[in-house]
Amino acid sequence: MPTVREALRAGAARLSAAGVTEASNDAALLLSFVTGEAPLSLRADPGRELAAEDIAAYEALLIRRAAREPLQYITGEAPFMGLMLKAAPQVLIPRFDTETLCEQALLRLRGGERILDLCTGSGALAVAIADRFPDTKVFAGDISTDAVALARENASRCGVDVVVRQGDLFGPFAGERFDMIVSNPPYIPSRDLAGLMEEVLSEPVLALDGGRDGLDFYRRIIDEAPLYLTSSGWLLLEFGDGQAKAVAALLEENFEEITVYSDLNGLERAAAGRLKHGICT
């Protein structure tokens, strides 16, 4: 039977040949998933022979990953802000980039606020906020029934209380006010969808397509947010590469203290703005 070292090397080579960018990392995570051992534990005993059933299971997963199926859909899990969330092919995968938005939201909270997460997807933002501030009242919404179901499951999985509703943007929250609204809406320009990485193309188009210029959802959210924010409430948004100036410009009419934040790769990734005094109606 192959050793841990041999299995990892062969797996990484196979994934690299298939164009997987982080082949060694993914090979280790897949073998970890099969054996139930942490990657560091596996590497600590590289000469150990693997069981036949583990090799067979590992091989099956390598085939799927080499076909560019996202790792998170294969394992059914995705990490976010120290939590392990369930992932499913019908819903966008939580990404580390979005932790920039989440961290800025957390910095503005003291506890006891009402928070709304629009386009919640897996519920990553809502669940992470509720986990850090259990005395906040966290709400989340998504037009996708699959996303609503998964967000509710992730809230239950992480032991937090999040009210998740199905509907188009603010539709399910008519007449309500929130101290903060966060959102990671679809922001890929329609014309760019076909050129995305193969893994991203496995994700639902509904969660990716931001319209002609990628800004359709920002216009709607920024325009309608004053009707749902309390006085001086915060709006925080994630956006795609090259969209920072456009999103900040949209915020300027009704928001102040507008700040743009970069992710760990140095790319402008999120913006925050406080509702101007007197705008709230």
Foldseek 3Di string as FASTA:
>chain_A
DAFLQVQLVVQLVLLVVLVDPPSSVLLLVLLCLLVVHHSVVSVVCRGHDDDPVSSVSSVVLSVVVSVVADSCQSSQWDDDPNDIAGDHLAFDGDDLLCNQLLVVVLVPDDEQWEEEEEQCTLVRSQLNNCLVHVRYAAEYEHQDPVRQVNSVVRNVVSVGDYHYDHDDTCVVPPPAAGLEYEYAAAQDAPVCLVVDDPNVVSHDVRRHYLYHRRCVVLLVCLVCNLAHYDAFGKYKYWYDAPCVVVSQVSNVVFWPPKDWDAGPVRGGTMIMTTGDGPSRD
